[in-house]
Amino acid sequence: MNDNLFPVVIQAVAGPDYTVYAYMLDGTVRKVSVKHLIKQGGVFEKLKNPDFFKNALTVMNDTVAWDLSGRFDPSNCIDIDPFTVAEGEIVADPLIVA
């Protein structure tokens, strides 16, 4: 990632075991686990529900987010700091079938 740029997520895909594949504007795909956030509880407790984790996952505020309202309101979501996402492991695109 170019350190001079603010990291921007353009797509997020749910993976197994509470992981997210974040497609970044710089062309990389980052694998981010949110299991540790779920263990913290609080606002992240809602992510424990596998259906919510998968179906509410989206991109808001230029980062990985979960829509709480169903209206894609960027002020009503659970989102992860984009710099945290950008620190995730760079992986091959999981959507490309070999």
PDB file of N, CA and C in Angstrom:
ATOM      1  N   MET A   1       0.840  -1.183   0.000  1.00  0.00           N
ATOM      2  CA  MET A   1       0.000   0.000   0.000  1.00  0.00           C
ATOM      3  C   MET A   1       0.878   1.237   0.000  1.00  0.00           C
ATOM      4  N   ASN A   2       0.507   2.235  -0.756  1.00  0.00           N
ATOM      5  CA  ASN A   2       1.210   3.510  -0.777  1.00  0.00           C
ATOM      6  C   ASN A   2       0.918   4.251   0.518  1.00  0.00           C
ATOM      7  N   ASP A   3       1.945   4.545   1.308  1.00  0.00           N
ATOM      8  CA  ASP A   3       1.755   5.181   2.612  1.00  0.00           C
ATOM      9  C   ASP A   3       1.222   6.605   2.512  1.00  0.00           C
ATOM     10  N   ASN A   4       1.250   7.187   1.318  1.00  0.00           N
ATOM     11  CA  ASN A   4       0.768   8.556   1.154  1.00  0.00           C
ATOM     12  C   ASN A   4      -0.730   8.622   0.925  1.00  0.00           C
ATOM     13  N   LEU A   5      -1.369   7.493   0.756  1.00  0.00           N
ATOM     14  CA  LEU A   5      -2.798   7.453   0.485  1.00  0.00           C
ATOM     15  C   LEU A   5      -3.585   6.996   1.696  1.00  0.00           C
ATOM     16  N   PHE A   6      -4.759   7.568   1.844  1.00  0.00           N
ATOM     17  CA  PHE A   6      -5.696   7.083   2.840  1.00  0.00           C
ATOM     18  C   PHE A   6      -6.261   5.778   2.292  1.00  0.00           C
ATOM     19  N   PRO A   7      -6.213   4.681   3.047  1.00  0.00           N
ATOM     20  CA  PRO A   7      -6.713   3.407   2.511  1.00  0.00           C
ATOM     21  C   PRO A   7      -8.216   3.461   2.257  1.00  0.00           C
ATOM     22  N   VAL A   8      -8.616   2.930   1.116  1.00  0.00           N
ATOM     23  CA  VAL A   8     -10.019   2.936   0.719  1.00  0.00           C
ATOM     24  C   VAL A   8     -10.425   1.525   0.331  1.00  0.00           C
ATOM     25  N   VAL A   9     -11.495   1.046   0.938  1.00  0.00           N
ATOM     26  CA  VAL A   9     -12.073  -0.260   0.596  1.00  0.00           C
ATOM     27  C   VAL A   9     -13.145  -0.025  -0.459  1.00  0.00           C
ATOM     28  N   ILE A  10     -13.127  -0.817  -1.530  1.00  0.00           N
ATOM     29  CA  ILE A  10     -14.137  -0.663  -2.576  1.00  0.00           C
ATOM     30  C   ILE A  10     -15.129  -1.830  -2.621  1.00  0.00           C
ATOM     31  N   GLN A  11     -14.763  -2.959  -1.992  1.00  0.00           N
ATOM     32  CA  GLN A  11     -15.663  -4.110  -1.928  1.00  0.00           C
ATOM     33  C   GLN A  11     -15.285  -4.940  -0.714  1.00  0.00           C
ATOM     34  N   ALA A  12     -16.277  -5.548  -0.096  1.00  0.00           N
ATOM     35  CA  ALA A  12     -16.038  -6.430   1.050  1.00  0.00           C
ATOM     36  C   ALA A  12     -16.829  -7.711   0.852  1.00  0.00           C
ATOM     37  N   VAL A  13     -16.164  -8.835   1.087  1.00  0.00           N
ATOM     38  CA  VAL A  13     -16.788 -10.150   0.922  1.00  0.00           C
ATOM     39  C   VAL A  13     -16.557 -10.946   2.198  1.00  0.00           C
ATOM     40  N   ALA A  14     -17.628 -11.539   2.712  1.00  0.00           N
ATOM     41  CA  ALA A  14     -17.514 -12.364   3.914  1.00  0.00           C
ATOM     42  C   ALA A  14     -16.799 -13.664   3.587  1.00  0.00           C
ATOM     43  N   GLY A  15     -15.883 -14.052   4.461  1.00  0.00           N
ATOM     44  CA  GLY A  15     -15.175 -15.309   4.338  1.00  0.00           C
ATOM     45  C   GLY A  15     -15.537 -16.223   5.494  1.00  0.00           C
ATOM     46  N   PRO A  16     -14.912 -17.374   5.568  1.00  0.00           N
ATOM     47  CA  PRO A  16     -15.204 -18.308   6.661  1.00  0.00           C
ATOM     48  C   PRO A  16     -14.631 -17.822   7.983  1.00  0.00           C
ATOM     49  N   ASP A  17     -15.233 -18.300   9.067  1.00  0.00           N
ATOM     50  CA  ASP A  17     -14.705 -18.085  10.412  1.00  0.00           C
ATOM     51  C   ASP A  17     -14.494 -16.608  10.747  1.00  0.00           C
ATOM     52  N   TYR A  18     -15.499 -15.792  10.425  1.00  0.00           N
ATOM     53  CA  TYR A  18     -15.494 -14.357  10.754  1.00  0.00           C
ATOM     54  C   TYR A  18     -14.313 -13.608  10.150  1.00  0.00           C
ATOM     55  N   THR A  19     -14.024 -13.929   8.888  1.00  0.00           N
ATOM     56  CA  THR A  19     -13.028 -13.162   8.156  1.00  0.00           C
ATOM     57  C   THR A  19     -13.730 -12.352   7.076  1.00  0.00           C
ATOM     58  N   VAL A  20     -13.066 -11.297   6.668  1.00  0.00           N
ATOM     59  CA  VAL A  20     -13.560 -10.436   5.597  1.00  0.00           C
ATOM     60  C   VAL A  20     -12.432 -10.276   4.589  1.00  0.00           C
ATOM     61  N   TYR A  21     -12.785 -10.369   3.313  1.00  0.00           N
ATOM     62  CA  TYR A  21     -11.856 -10.037   2.242  1.00  0.00           C
ATOM     63  C   TYR A  21     -12.193  -8.625   1.795  1.00  0.00           C
ATOM     64  N   ALA A  22     -11.236  -7.727   1.981  1.00  0.00           N
ATOM     65  CA  ALA A  22     -11.437  -6.319   1.636  1.00  0.00           C
ATOM     66  C   ALA A  22     -10.656  -6.007   0.363  1.00  0.00           C
ATOM     67  N   TYR A  23     -11.374  -5.604  -0.655  1.00  0.00           N
ATOM     68  CA  TYR A  23     -10.770  -5.214  -1.926  1.00  0.00           C
ATOM     69  C   TYR A  23     -10.457  -3.724  -1.833  1.00  0.00           C
ATOM     70  N   MET A  24      -9.175  -3.414  -1.929  1.00  0.00           N
ATOM     71  CA  MET A  24      -8.704  -2.059  -1.698  1.00  0.00           C
ATOM     72  C   MET A  24      -8.559  -1.290  -3.014  1.00  0.00           C
ATOM     73  N   LEU A  25      -8.643   0.027  -2.925  1.00  0.00           N
ATOM     74  CA  LEU A  25      -8.470   0.889  -4.087  1.00  0.00           C
ATOM     75  C   LEU A  25      -7.091   0.721  -4.714  1.00  0.00           C
ATOM     76  N   ASP A  26      -6.103   0.347  -3.917  1.00  0.00           N
ATOM     77  CA  ASP A  26      -4.742   0.171  -4.448  1.00  0.00           C
ATOM     78  C   ASP A  26      -4.566  -1.151  -5.200  1.00  0.00           C
ATOM     79  N   GLY A  27      -5.644  -1.949  -5.308  1.00  0.00           N
ATOM     80  CA  GLY A  27      -5.598  -3.196  -6.069  1.00  0.00           C
ATOM     81  C   GLY A  27      -5.327  -4.438  -5.239  1.00  0.00           C
ATOM     82  N   THR A  28      -5.004  -4.280  -3.980  1.00  0.00           N
ATOM     83  CA  THR A  28      -4.756  -5.447  -3.136  1.00  0.00           C
ATOM     84  C   THR A  28      -6.057  -5.978  -2.548  1.00  0.00           C
ATOM     85  N   VAL A  29      -6.008  -7.239  -2.142  1.00  0.00           N
ATOM     86  CA  VAL A  29      -7.105  -7.852  -1.387  1.00  0.00           C
ATOM     87  C   VAL A  29      -6.537  -8.156  -0.012  1.00  0.00           C
ATOM     88  N   ARG A  30      -7.188  -7.653   1.019  1.00  0.00           N
ATOM     89  CA  ARG A  30      -6.729  -7.842   2.401  1.00  0.00           C
ATOM     90  C   ARG A  30      -7.673  -8.797   3.129  1.00  0.00           C
ATOM     91  N   LYS A  31      -7.087  -9.735   3.851  1.00  0.00           N
ATOM     92  CA  LYS A  31      -7.875 -10.670   4.661  1.00  0.00           C
ATOM     93  C   LYS A  31      -7.815 -10.180   6.105  1.00  0.00           C
ATOM     94  N   VAL A  32      -8.999  -9.939   6.667  1.00  0.00           N
ATOM     95  CA  VAL A  32      -9.086  -9.385   8.017  1.00  0.00           C
ATOM     96  C   VAL A  32     -10.002 -10.262   8.858  1.00  0.00           C
ATOM     97  N   SER A  33      -9.516 -10.703   9.993  1.00  0.00           N
ATOM     98  CA  SER A  33     -10.339 -11.458  10.937  1.00  0.00           C
ATOM     99  C   SER A  33     -10.957 -10.484  11.933  1.00  0.00           C
ATOM    100  N   VAL A  34     -12.239 -10.672  12.225  1.00  0.00           N
ATOM    101  CA  VAL A  34     -12.890  -9.818  13.220  1.00  0.00           C
ATOM    102  C   VAL A  34     -13.271 -10.605  14.477  1.00  0.00           C
ATOM    103  N   LYS A  35     -12.752 -11.826  14.593  1.00  0.00           N
ATOM    104  CA  LYS A  35     -13.067 -12.653  15.764  1.00  0.00           C
ATOM    105  C   LYS A  35     -12.689 -11.947  17.069  1.00  0.00           C
ATOM    106  N   HIS A  36     -11.545 -11.272  17.078  1.00  0.00           N
ATOM    107  CA  HIS A  36     -11.116 -10.586  18.298  1.00  0.00           C
ATOM    108  C   HIS A  36     -12.051  -9.436  18.651  1.00  0.00           C
ATOM    109  N   LEU A  37     -12.646  -8.799  17.654  1.00  0.00           N
ATOM    110  CA  LEU A  37     -13.601  -7.713  17.922  1.00  0.00           C
ATOM    111  C   LEU A  37     -14.892  -8.275  18.513  1.00  0.00           C
ATOM    112  N   ILE A  38     -15.334  -9.394  17.977  1.00  0.00           N
ATOM    113  CA  ILE A  38     -16.556 -10.027  18.485  1.00  0.00           C
ATOM    114  C   ILE A  38     -16.366 -10.414  19.943  1.00  0.00           C
ATOM    115  N   LYS A  39     -15.181 -10.914  20.294  1.00  0.00           N
ATOM    116  CA  LYS A  39     -14.896 -11.290  21.682  1.00  0.00           C
ATOM    117  C   LYS A  39     -14.938 -10.088  22.618  1.00  0.00           C
ATOM    118  N   GLN A  40     -14.644  -8.898  22.084  1.00  0.00           N
ATOM    119  CA  GLN A  40     -14.699  -7.682  22.902  1.00  0.00           C
ATOM    120  C   GLN A  40     -16.124  -7.355  23.314  1.00  0.00           C
ATOM    121  N   GLY A  41     -17.083  -7.802  22.515  1.00  0.00           N
ATOM    122  CA  GLY A  41     -18.483  -7.531  22.819  1.00  0.00           C
ATOM    123  C   GLY A  41     -18.859  -6.114  22.441  1.00  0.00           C
ATOM    124  N   GLY A  42     -19.764  -5.534  23.200  1.00  0.00           N
ATOM    125  CA  GLY A  42     -20.230  -4.181  22.905  1.00  0.00           C
ATOM    126  C   GLY A  42     -20.888  -4.124  21.540  1.00  0.00           C
ATOM    127  N   VAL A  43     -20.568  -3.107  20.787  1.00  0.00           N
ATOM    128  CA  VAL A  43     -21.162  -2.908  19.468  1.00  0.00           C
ATOM    129  C   VAL A  43     -20.855  -4.075  18.530  1.00  0.00           C
ATOM    130  N   PHE A  44     -19.731  -4.747  18.738  1.00  0.00           N
ATOM    131  CA  PHE A  44     -19.336  -5.846  17.864  1.00  0.00           C
ATOM    132  C   PHE A  44     -20.083  -7.147  18.163  1.00  0.00           C
ATOM    133  N   GLU A  45     -20.804  -7.211  19.257  1.00  0.00           N
ATOM    134  CA  GLU A  45     -21.562  -8.408  19.646  1.00  0.00           C
ATOM    135  C   GLU A  45     -22.511  -8.848  18.529  1.00  0.00           C
ATOM    136  N   LYS A  46     -23.087  -7.898  17.838  1.00  0.00           N
ATOM    137  CA  LYS A  46     -24.051  -8.203  16.775  1.00  0.00           C
ATOM    138  C   LYS A  46     -23.419  -9.027  15.646  1.00  0.00           C
ATOM    139  N   LEU A  47     -22.101  -8.900  15.458  1.00  0.00           N
ATOM    140  CA  LEU A  47     -21.420  -9.633  14.393  1.00  0.00           C
ATOM    141  C   LEU A  47     -21.338 -11.126  14.669  1.00  0.00           C
ATOM    142  N   LYS A  48     -21.627 -11.539  15.895  1.00  0.00           N
ATOM    143  CA  LYS A  48     -21.591 -12.957  16.255  1.00  0.00           C
ATOM    144  C   LYS A  48     -22.632 -13.760  15.480  1.00  0.00           C
ATOM    145  N   ASN A  49     -23.727 -13.111  15.103  1.00  0.00           N
ATOM    146  CA  ASN A  49     -24.771 -13.773  14.331  1.00  0.00           C
ATOM    147  C   ASN A  49     -24.259 -13.983  12.901  1.00  0.00           C
ATOM    148  N   PRO A  50     -24.068 -15.244  12.470  1.00  0.00           N
ATOM    149  CA  PRO A  50     -23.486 -15.497  11.147  1.00  0.00           C
ATOM    150  C   PRO A  50     -24.286 -14.895   9.991  1.00  0.00           C
ATOM    151  N   ASP A  51     -25.610 -14.893  10.103  1.00  0.00           N
ATOM    152  CA  ASP A  51     -26.426 -14.311   9.037  1.00  0.00           C
ATOM    153  C   ASP A  51     -26.212 -12.806   8.943  1.00  0.00           C
ATOM    154  N   PHE A  52     -26.194 -12.132  10.083  1.00  0.00           N
ATOM    155  CA  PHE A  52     -25.937 -10.694  10.080  1.00  0.00           C
ATOM    156  C   PHE A  52     -24.529 -10.415   9.563  1.00  0.00           C
ATOM    157  N   PHE A  53     -23.559 -11.182  10.039  1.00  0.00           N
ATOM    158  CA  PHE A  53     -22.173 -10.992   9.617  1.00  0.00           C
ATOM    159  C   PHE A  53     -22.063 -11.026   8.096  1.00  0.00           C
ATOM    160  N   LYS A  54     -22.705 -12.002   7.485  1.00  0.00           N
ATOM    161  CA  LYS A  54     -22.610 -12.183   6.032  1.00  0.00           C
ATOM    162  C   LYS A  54     -23.512 -11.209   5.269  1.00  0.00           C
ATOM    163  N   ASN A  55     -24.759 -11.080   5.680  1.00  0.00           N
ATOM    164  CA  ASN A  55     -25.744 -10.349   4.887  1.00  0.00           C
ATOM    165  C   ASN A  55     -25.718  -8.832   5.071  1.00  0.00           C
ATOM    166  N   ALA A  56     -25.225  -8.358   6.202  1.00  0.00           N
ATOM    167  CA  ALA A  56     -25.184  -6.906   6.422  1.00  0.00           C
ATOM    168  C   ALA A  56     -23.825  -6.313   6.046  1.00  0.00           C
ATOM    169  N   LEU A  57     -22.884  -7.169   5.676  1.00  0.00           N
ATOM    170  CA  LEU A  57     -21.553  -6.699   5.296  1.00  0.00           C
ATOM    171  C   LEU A  57     -21.626  -5.854   4.034  1.00  0.00           C
ATOM    172  N   THR A  58     -20.957  -4.715   4.070  1.00  0.00           N
ATOM    173  CA  THR A  58     -20.960  -3.796   2.942  1.00  0.00           C
ATOM    174  C   THR A  58     -19.733  -2.894   3.047  1.00  0.00           C
ATOM    175  N   VAL A  59     -19.722  -1.865   2.236  1.00  0.00           N
ATOM    176  CA  VAL A  59     -18.699  -0.830   2.333  1.00  0.00           C
ATOM    177  C   VAL A  59     -19.411   0.487   2.603  1.00  0.00           C
ATOM    178  N   MET A  60     -19.032   1.129   3.682  1.00  0.00           N
ATOM    179  CA  MET A  60     -19.509   2.471   4.007  1.00  0.00           C
ATOM    180  C   MET A  60     -18.342   3.237   4.597  1.00  0.00           C
ATOM    181  N   ASN A  61     -18.344   4.522   4.418  1.00  0.00           N
ATOM    182  CA  ASN A  61     -17.269   5.366   4.949  1.00  0.00           C
ATOM    183  C   ASN A  61     -15.900   4.914   4.418  1.00  0.00           C
ATOM    184  N   ASP A  62     -15.896   4.372   3.203  1.00  0.00           N
ATOM    185  CA  ASP A  62     -14.677   3.892   2.532  1.00  0.00           C
ATOM    186  C   ASP A  62     -13.982   2.757   3.278  1.00  0.00           C
ATOM    187  N   THR A  63     -14.739   1.970   4.035  1.00  0.00           N
ATOM    188  CA  THR A  63     -14.150   0.854   4.761  1.00  0.00           C
ATOM    189  C   THR A  63     -15.159  -0.278   4.919  1.00  0.00           C
ATOM    190  N   VAL A  64     -14.705  -1.375   5.484  1.00  0.00           N
ATOM    191  CA  VAL A  64     -15.557  -2.522   5.785  1.00  0.00           C
ATOM    192  C   VAL A  64     -16.581  -2.095   6.839  1.00  0.00           C
ATOM    193  N   ALA A  65     -17.849  -2.420   6.579  1.00  0.00           N
ATOM    194  CA  ALA A  65     -18.900  -2.005   7.501  1.00  0.00           C
ATOM    195  C   ALA A  65     -20.055  -3.003   7.473  1.00  0.00           C
ATOM    196  N   TRP A  66     -20.862  -2.944   8.527  1.00  0.00           N
ATOM    197  CA  TRP A  66     -22.104  -3.718   8.602  1.00  0.00           C
ATOM    198  C   TRP A  66     -23.231  -2.733   8.797  1.00  0.00           C
ATOM    199  N   ASP A  67     -24.213  -2.827   7.918  1.00  0.00           N
ATOM    200  CA  ASP A  67     -25.355  -1.914   7.904  1.00  0.00           C
ATOM    201  C   ASP A  67     -26.334  -2.276   9.025  1.00  0.00           C
ATOM    202  N   LEU A  68     -26.549  -1.358   9.941  1.00  0.00           N
ATOM    203  CA  LEU A  68     -27.454  -1.617  11.063  1.00  0.00           C
ATOM    204  C   LEU A  68     -28.903  -1.260  10.754  1.00  0.00           C
ATOM    205  N   SER A  69     -29.128  -0.307   9.861  1.00  0.00           N
ATOM    206  CA  SER A  69     -30.482   0.194   9.623  1.00  0.00           C
ATOM    207  C   SER A  69     -31.167  -0.456   8.430  1.00  0.00           C
ATOM    208  N   GLY A  70     -30.393  -1.075   7.538  1.00  0.00           N
ATOM    209  CA  GLY A  70     -30.970  -1.604   6.308  1.00  0.00           C
ATOM    210  C   GLY A  70     -31.162  -0.526   5.251  1.00  0.00           C
ATOM    211  N   ARG A  71     -30.699   0.694   5.538  1.00  0.00           N
ATOM    212  CA  ARG A  71     -30.850   1.811   4.601  1.00  0.00           C
ATOM    213  C   ARG A  71     -29.500   2.362   4.136  1.00  0.00           C
ATOM    214  N   PHE A  72     -28.444   1.649   4.420  1.00  0.00           N
ATOM    215  CA  PHE A  72     -27.087   2.075   4.053  1.00  0.00           C
ATOM    216  C   PHE A  72     -26.790   3.494   4.532  1.00  0.00           C
ATOM    217  N   ASP A  73     -27.180   3.747   5.775  1.00  0.00           N
ATOM    218  CA  ASP A  73     -26.916   5.037   6.416  1.00  0.00           C
ATOM    219  C   ASP A  73     -25.512   4.980   7.011  1.00  0.00           C
ATOM    220  N   PRO A  74     -24.563   5.754   6.476  1.00  0.00           N
ATOM    221  CA  PRO A  74     -23.182   5.667   6.955  1.00  0.00           C
ATOM    222  C   PRO A  74     -22.989   6.104   8.405  1.00  0.00           C
ATOM    223  N   SER A  75     -24.014   6.707   8.986  1.00  0.00           N
ATOM    224  CA  SER A  75     -23.907   7.080  10.397  1.00  0.00           C
ATOM    225  C   SER A  75     -24.510   6.013  11.310  1.00  0.00           C
ATOM    226  N   ASN A  76     -25.075   4.954  10.703  1.00  0.00           N
ATOM    227  CA  ASN A  76     -25.704   3.897  11.486  1.00  0.00           C
ATOM    228  C   ASN A  76     -25.159   2.540  11.032  1.00  0.00           C
ATOM    229  N   CYS A  77     -23.880   2.339  11.319  1.00  0.00           N
ATOM    230  CA  CYS A  77     -23.236   1.100  10.911  1.00  0.00           C
ATOM    231  C   CYS A  77     -22.133   0.759  11.908  1.00  0.00           C
ATOM    232  N   ILE A  78     -21.669  -0.465  11.808  1.00  0.00           N
ATOM    233  CA  ILE A  78     -20.465  -0.889  12.519  1.00  0.00           C
ATOM    234  C   ILE A  78     -19.375  -0.881  11.466  1.00  0.00           C
ATOM    235  N   ASP A  79     -18.350  -0.058  11.650  1.00  0.00           N
ATOM    236  CA  ASP A  79     -17.279  -0.056  10.666  1.00  0.00           C
ATOM    237  C   ASP A  79     -15.926  -0.223  11.337  1.00  0.00           C
ATOM    238  N   ILE A  80     -14.966  -0.634  10.533  1.00  0.00           N
ATOM    239  CA  ILE A  80     -13.607  -0.891  11.015  1.00  0.00           C
ATOM    240  C   ILE A  80     -12.691   0.175  10.448  1.00  0.00           C
ATOM    241  N   ASP A  81     -11.813   0.674  11.272  1.00  0.00           N
ATOM    242  CA  ASP A  81     -10.864   1.687  10.842  1.00  0.00           C
ATOM    243  C   ASP A  81     -10.170   1.219   9.556  1.00  0.00           C
ATOM    244  N   PRO A  82     -10.176   2.041   8.491  1.00  0.00           N
ATOM    245  CA  PRO A  82      -9.579   1.603   7.239  1.00  0.00           C
ATOM    246  C   PRO A  82      -8.074   1.324   7.339  1.00  0.00           C
ATOM    247  N   PHE A  83      -7.388   1.967   8.267  1.00  0.00           N
ATOM    248  CA  PHE A  83      -5.964   1.671   8.441  1.00  0.00           C
ATOM    249  C   PHE A  83      -5.772   0.277   9.042  1.00  0.00           C
ATOM    250  N   THR A  84      -6.703  -0.143   9.894  1.00  0.00           N
ATOM    251  CA  THR A  84      -6.666  -1.505  10.431  1.00  0.00           C
ATOM    252  C   THR A  84      -6.888  -2.509   9.307  1.00  0.00           C
ATOM    253  N   VAL A  85      -7.834  -2.224   8.441  1.00  0.00           N
ATOM    254  CA  VAL A  85      -8.094  -3.108   7.303  1.00  0.00           C
ATOM    255  C   VAL A  85      -6.853  -3.189   6.415  1.00  0.00           C
ATOM    256  N   ALA A  86      -6.219  -2.050   6.171  1.00  0.00           N
ATOM    257  CA  ALA A  86      -5.046  -1.995   5.291  1.00  0.00           C
ATOM    258  C   ALA A  86      -3.854  -2.758   5.860  1.00  0.00           C
ATOM    259  N   GLU A  87      -3.867  -3.031   7.155  1.00  0.00           N
ATOM    260  CA  GLU A  87      -2.800  -3.813   7.778  1.00  0.00           C
ATOM    261  C   GLU A  87      -3.038  -5.312   7.659  1.00  0.00           C
ATOM    262  N   GLY A  88      -4.210  -5.706   7.139  1.00  0.00           N
ATOM    263  CA  GLY A  88      -4.522  -7.121   6.977  1.00  0.00           C
ATOM    264  C   GLY A  88      -3.597  -7.791   5.976  1.00  0.00           C
ATOM    265  N   GLU A  89      -3.547  -9.098   6.074  1.00  0.00           N
ATOM    266  CA  GLU A  89      -2.703  -9.901   5.178  1.00  0.00           C
ATOM    267  C   GLU A  89      -3.148  -9.732   3.730  1.00  0.00           C
ATOM    268  N   ILE A  90      -2.200  -9.510   2.841  1.00  0.00           N
ATOM    269  CA  ILE A  90      -2.503  -9.460   1.411  1.00  0.00           C
ATOM    270  C   ILE A  90      -2.655 -10.888   0.910  1.00  0.00           C
ATOM    271  N   VAL A  91      -3.786 -11.156   0.252  1.00  0.00           N
ATOM    272  CA  VAL A  91      -4.080 -12.508  -0.235  1.00  0.00           C
ATOM    273  C   VAL A  91      -4.526 -12.444  -1.698  1.00  0.00           C
ATOM    274  N   ALA A  92      -4.561 -13.610  -2.325  1.00  0.00           N
ATOM    275  CA  ALA A  92      -5.096 -13.725  -3.675  1.00  0.00           C
ATOM    276  C   ALA A  92      -6.602 -13.513  -3.619  1.00  0.00           C
ATOM    277  N   ASP A  93      -7.156 -13.063  -4.698  1.00  0.00           N
ATOM    278  CA  ASP A  93      -8.599 -12.825  -4.783  1.00  0.00           C
ATOM    279  C   ASP A  93      -9.346 -14.135  -4.586  1.00  0.00           C
ATOM    280  N   PRO A  94     -10.138 -14.270  -3.522  1.00  0.00           N
ATOM    281  CA  PRO A  94     -10.845 -15.538  -3.278  1.00  0.00           C
ATOM    282  C   PRO A  94     -11.996 -15.784  -4.240  1.00  0.00           C
ATOM    283  N   LEU A  95     -12.384 -14.780  -5.000  1.00  0.00           N
ATOM    284  CA  LEU A  95     -13.496 -14.939  -5.932  1.00  0.00           C
ATOM    285  C   LEU A  95     -13.055 -15.473  -7.288  1.00  0.00           C
ATOM    286  N   ILE A  96     -11.751 -15.518  -7.505  1.00  0.00           N
ATOM    287  CA  ILE A  96     -11.234 -16.053  -8.768  1.00  0.00           C
ATOM    288  C   ILE A  96     -11.101 -17.564  -8.625  1.00  0.00           C
ATOM    289  N   VAL A  97     -11.809 -18.290  -9.487  1.00  0.00           N
ATOM    290  CA  VAL A  97     -11.759 -19.744  -9.467  1.00  0.00           C
ATOM    291  C   VAL A  97     -10.592 -20.192 -10.324  1.00  0.00           C
ATOM    292  N   ALA A  98      -9.752 -21.020  -9.708  1.00  0.00           N
ATOM    293  CA  ALA A  98      -8.555 -21.489 -10.438  1.00  0.00           C
ATOM    294  C   ALA A  98      -8.898 -22.512 -11.482  1.00  0.00           C
TER     295      ALA A  98
END
